[in-house]
Amino acid sequence: MSESYPELKANQNFLSLQEELTSTENRVAYARQFYNDSVTRLNTRIQTFPTVVIAGMFGFKEEPFFETPSEEKEAPRVQF
């Protein structure tokens, strides 16, 4: 049936692509938040007693948060 209506098929493909792009952006945002939460826990743990002693002995250090450079904060534009 969609072969008879190429506009319908193209519209469905576009909606599918749009859904996939949104899903990918959400997964990236979740991964970034998960990483930053893990860094927060690590940095807090290595600053508290008695972990601070052990962390110093084994060379653990604070890790930086993931920050997106300002020029990369906008989503890429997809043109057709």
N, C-alpha and C. Protein backbone atom coordinates (compact mmCIF):
# COMPACT_ATOMS: atom_id res chain seq x y z
N MET A 1 0.82 -1.18 0.00
CA MET A 1 0.00 0.00 0.00
C MET A 1 0.87 1.26 0.00
N SER A 2 1.98 1.27 0.75
CA SER A 2 2.81 2.46 0.81
C SER A 2 3.50 2.74 -0.53
N GLU A 3 3.66 1.69 -1.37
CA GLU A 3 4.24 1.92 -2.69
C GLU A 3 3.30 2.78 -3.55
N SER A 4 2.02 2.67 -3.31
CA SER A 4 1.04 3.46 -4.05
C SER A 4 1.05 4.92 -3.62
N TYR A 5 1.54 5.17 -2.42
CA TYR A 5 1.56 6.52 -1.86
C TYR A 5 2.99 6.87 -1.42
N PRO A 6 3.86 7.26 -2.37
CA PRO A 6 5.26 7.52 -2.03
C PRO A 6 5.42 8.65 -1.01
N GLU A 7 4.49 9.62 -1.00
CA GLU A 7 4.57 10.70 -0.02
C GLU A 7 4.38 10.16 1.38
N LEU A 8 3.44 9.23 1.54
CA LEU A 8 3.17 8.63 2.83
C LEU A 8 4.39 7.87 3.32
N LYS A 9 5.02 7.10 2.43
CA LYS A 9 6.21 6.33 2.81
C LYS A 9 7.35 7.26 3.19
N ALA A 10 7.55 8.35 2.44
CA ALA A 10 8.61 9.31 2.75
C ALA A 10 8.33 9.98 4.09
N ASN A 11 7.08 10.30 4.35
CA ASN A 11 6.72 10.94 5.60
C ASN A 11 6.97 10.00 6.77
N GLN A 12 6.64 8.72 6.61
CA GLN A 12 6.89 7.73 7.66
C GLN A 12 8.39 7.56 7.90
N ASN A 13 9.18 7.56 6.83
CA ASN A 13 10.63 7.46 6.98
C ASN A 13 11.19 8.67 7.70
N PHE A 14 10.68 9.85 7.37
CA PHE A 14 11.14 11.07 8.03
C PHE A 14 10.78 11.04 9.51
N LEU A 15 9.58 10.64 9.83
CA LEU A 15 9.17 10.55 11.24
C LEU A 15 10.01 9.53 11.99
N SER A 16 10.34 8.44 11.33
CA SER A 16 11.19 7.42 11.94
C SER A 16 12.59 7.97 12.21
N LEU A 17 13.13 8.70 11.24
CA LEU A 17 14.44 9.33 11.42
C LEU A 17 14.42 10.34 12.55
N GLN A 18 13.38 11.14 12.60
CA GLN A 18 13.24 12.15 13.64
C GLN A 18 13.18 11.49 15.02
N GLU A 19 12.45 10.40 15.12
CA GLU A 19 12.35 9.66 16.38
C GLU A 19 13.72 9.09 16.79
N GLU A 20 14.45 8.57 15.83
CA GLU A 20 15.78 8.01 16.10
C GLU A 20 16.75 9.10 16.56
N LEU A 21 16.70 10.27 15.94
CA LEU A 21 17.58 11.37 16.35
C LEU A 21 17.27 11.82 17.78
N THR A 22 15.99 11.92 18.09
CA THR A 22 15.58 12.30 19.44
C THR A 22 16.03 11.25 20.46
N SER A 23 15.87 10.00 20.12
CA SER A 23 16.28 8.91 21.00
C SER A 23 17.79 8.94 21.23
N THR A 24 18.55 9.20 20.18
CA THR A 24 20.01 9.27 20.30
C THR A 24 20.43 10.43 21.20
N GLU A 25 19.81 11.57 21.02
CA GLU A 25 20.11 12.73 21.88
C GLU A 25 19.81 12.41 23.33
N ASN A 26 18.71 11.71 23.59
CA ASN A 26 18.35 11.35 24.96
C ASN A 26 19.37 10.38 25.57
N ARG A 27 19.84 9.42 24.77
CA ARG A 27 20.83 8.47 25.28
C ARG A 27 22.15 9.17 25.60
N VAL A 28 22.55 10.10 24.77
CA VAL A 28 23.79 10.86 25.02
C VAL A 28 23.65 11.69 26.29
N ALA A 29 22.51 12.36 26.46
CA ALA A 29 22.27 13.16 27.66
C ALA A 29 22.29 12.28 28.91
N TYR A 30 21.68 11.10 28.83
CA TYR A 30 21.68 10.18 29.97
C TYR A 30 23.10 9.72 30.30
N ALA A 31 23.87 9.38 29.29
CA ALA A 31 25.24 8.91 29.51
C ALA A 31 26.09 10.02 30.13
N ARG A 32 25.93 11.24 29.65
CA ARG A 32 26.67 12.38 30.21
C ARG A 32 26.31 12.59 31.68
N GLN A 33 25.01 12.53 32.00
CA GLN A 33 24.57 12.69 33.38
C GLN A 33 25.07 11.56 34.27
N PHE A 34 25.04 10.33 33.77
CA PHE A 34 25.53 9.19 34.52
C PHE A 34 27.02 9.35 34.83
N TYR A 35 27.80 9.77 33.82
CA TYR A 35 29.24 9.98 34.02
C TYR A 35 29.48 11.06 35.07
N ASN A 36 28.79 12.18 34.96
CA ASN A 36 29.00 13.27 35.91
C ASN A 36 28.57 12.88 37.32
N ASP A 37 27.51 12.09 37.45
CA ASP A 37 27.12 11.59 38.77
C ASP A 37 28.19 10.67 39.35
N SER A 38 28.77 9.83 38.50
CA SER A 38 29.85 8.93 38.96
C SER A 38 31.07 9.72 39.39
N VAL A 39 31.41 10.76 38.65
CA VAL A 39 32.56 11.61 39.00
C VAL A 39 32.30 12.31 40.34
N THR A 40 31.08 12.77 40.54
CA THR A 40 30.73 13.42 41.80
C THR A 40 30.92 12.47 42.97
N ARG A 41 30.43 11.23 42.81
CA ARG A 41 30.59 10.24 43.89
C ARG A 41 32.06 9.93 44.14
N LEU A 42 32.84 9.76 43.07
CA LEU A 42 34.27 9.47 43.22
C LEU A 42 34.97 10.62 43.93
N ASN A 43 34.75 11.84 43.47
CA ASN A 43 35.43 13.00 44.06
C ASN A 43 35.06 13.18 45.52
N THR A 44 33.81 12.90 45.87
CA THR A 44 33.38 13.00 47.27
C THR A 44 34.04 11.91 48.11
N ARG A 45 34.08 10.69 47.57
CA ARG A 45 34.67 9.57 48.32
C ARG A 45 36.15 9.77 48.60
N ILE A 46 36.90 10.26 47.62
CA ILE A 46 38.35 10.37 47.84
C ILE A 46 38.71 11.58 48.70
N GLN A 47 37.71 12.37 49.09
CA GLN A 47 37.97 13.51 49.98
C GLN A 47 37.52 13.25 51.41
N THR A 48 36.89 12.10 51.66
CA THR A 48 36.40 11.82 53.00
C THR A 48 37.28 10.80 53.70
N PHE A 49 37.31 10.89 55.02
CA PHE A 49 38.11 9.96 55.82
C PHE A 49 37.33 8.67 55.98
N PRO A 50 37.93 7.52 55.93
CA PRO A 50 39.33 7.16 55.79
C PRO A 50 39.79 6.97 54.34
N THR A 51 38.85 7.13 53.41
CA THR A 51 39.19 6.89 52.01
C THR A 51 40.28 7.83 51.52
N VAL A 52 40.33 9.05 52.07
CA VAL A 52 41.32 10.02 51.62
C VAL A 52 42.74 9.49 51.85
N VAL A 53 42.95 8.72 52.88
CA VAL A 53 44.27 8.15 53.17
C VAL A 53 44.63 7.10 52.12
N ILE A 54 43.71 6.21 51.86
CA ILE A 54 43.95 5.14 50.89
C ILE A 54 44.07 5.72 49.48
N ALA A 55 43.22 6.69 49.16
CA ALA A 55 43.27 7.31 47.83
C ALA A 55 44.63 7.98 47.61
N GLY A 56 45.17 8.63 48.63
CA GLY A 56 46.48 9.25 48.52
C GLY A 56 47.58 8.23 48.32
N MET A 57 47.48 7.10 49.01
CA MET A 57 48.51 6.05 48.90
C MET A 57 48.54 5.44 47.50
N PHE A 58 47.38 5.30 46.89
CA PHE A 58 47.30 4.65 45.59
C PHE A 58 47.22 5.63 44.41
N GLY A 59 47.34 6.91 44.69
CA GLY A 59 47.40 7.91 43.62
C GLY A 59 46.08 8.27 42.98
N PHE A 60 44.97 7.99 43.66
CA PHE A 60 43.68 8.42 43.12
C PHE A 60 43.61 9.93 43.19
N LYS A 61 43.01 10.54 42.17
CA LYS A 61 42.86 12.00 42.16
C LYS A 61 41.47 12.36 41.66
N GLU A 62 41.11 13.62 41.88
CA GLU A 62 39.80 14.07 41.42
C GLU A 62 39.74 14.04 39.90
N GLU A 63 38.59 13.69 39.38
CA GLU A 63 38.37 13.64 37.94
C GLU A 63 37.51 14.83 37.54
N PRO A 64 37.72 15.35 36.33
CA PRO A 64 36.90 16.48 35.88
C PRO A 64 35.53 16.01 35.38
N PHE A 65 34.57 16.91 35.42
CA PHE A 65 33.26 16.62 34.87
C PHE A 65 33.31 16.71 33.36
N PHE A 66 32.39 16.02 32.71
CA PHE A 66 32.27 16.13 31.26
C PHE A 66 31.53 17.41 30.96
N GLU A 67 32.14 18.28 30.18
CA GLU A 67 31.50 19.52 29.78
C GLU A 67 31.59 19.64 28.27
N THR A 68 30.49 19.93 27.66
CA THR A 68 30.45 20.10 26.20
C THR A 68 30.97 21.49 25.86
N PRO A 69 31.92 21.60 24.93
CA PRO A 69 32.36 22.92 24.50
C PRO A 69 31.18 23.73 23.97
N SER A 70 31.20 25.04 24.20
CA SER A 70 30.05 25.88 23.86
C SER A 70 29.67 25.81 22.38
N GLU A 71 30.66 25.65 21.49
CA GLU A 71 30.33 25.59 20.06
C GLU A 71 29.66 24.27 19.67
N GLU A 72 29.69 23.26 20.55
CA GLU A 72 29.09 21.97 20.24
C GLU A 72 27.77 21.74 20.97
N LYS A 73 27.27 22.73 21.69
CA LYS A 73 26.05 22.54 22.48
C LYS A 73 24.79 22.49 21.62
N GLU A 74 24.82 23.07 20.46
CA GLU A 74 23.64 23.03 19.59
C GLU A 74 23.61 21.71 18.83
N ALA A 75 22.41 21.19 18.68
CA ALA A 75 22.25 19.94 17.92
C ALA A 75 22.59 20.20 16.45
N PRO A 76 23.21 19.24 15.78
CA PRO A 76 23.51 19.44 14.36
C PRO A 76 22.23 19.56 13.55
N ARG A 77 22.29 20.36 12.53
CA ARG A 77 21.13 20.54 11.66
C ARG A 77 21.14 19.46 10.57
N VAL A 78 19.98 18.86 10.38
CA VAL A 78 19.82 17.85 9.35
C VAL A 78 18.96 18.47 8.26
N GLN A 79 19.52 18.53 7.05
CA GLN A 79 18.78 19.14 5.94
C GLN A 79 18.53 18.09 4.85
N PHE A 80 17.39 18.22 4.23
CA PHE A 80 17.00 17.29 3.17
C PHE A 80 16.78 18.03 1.89
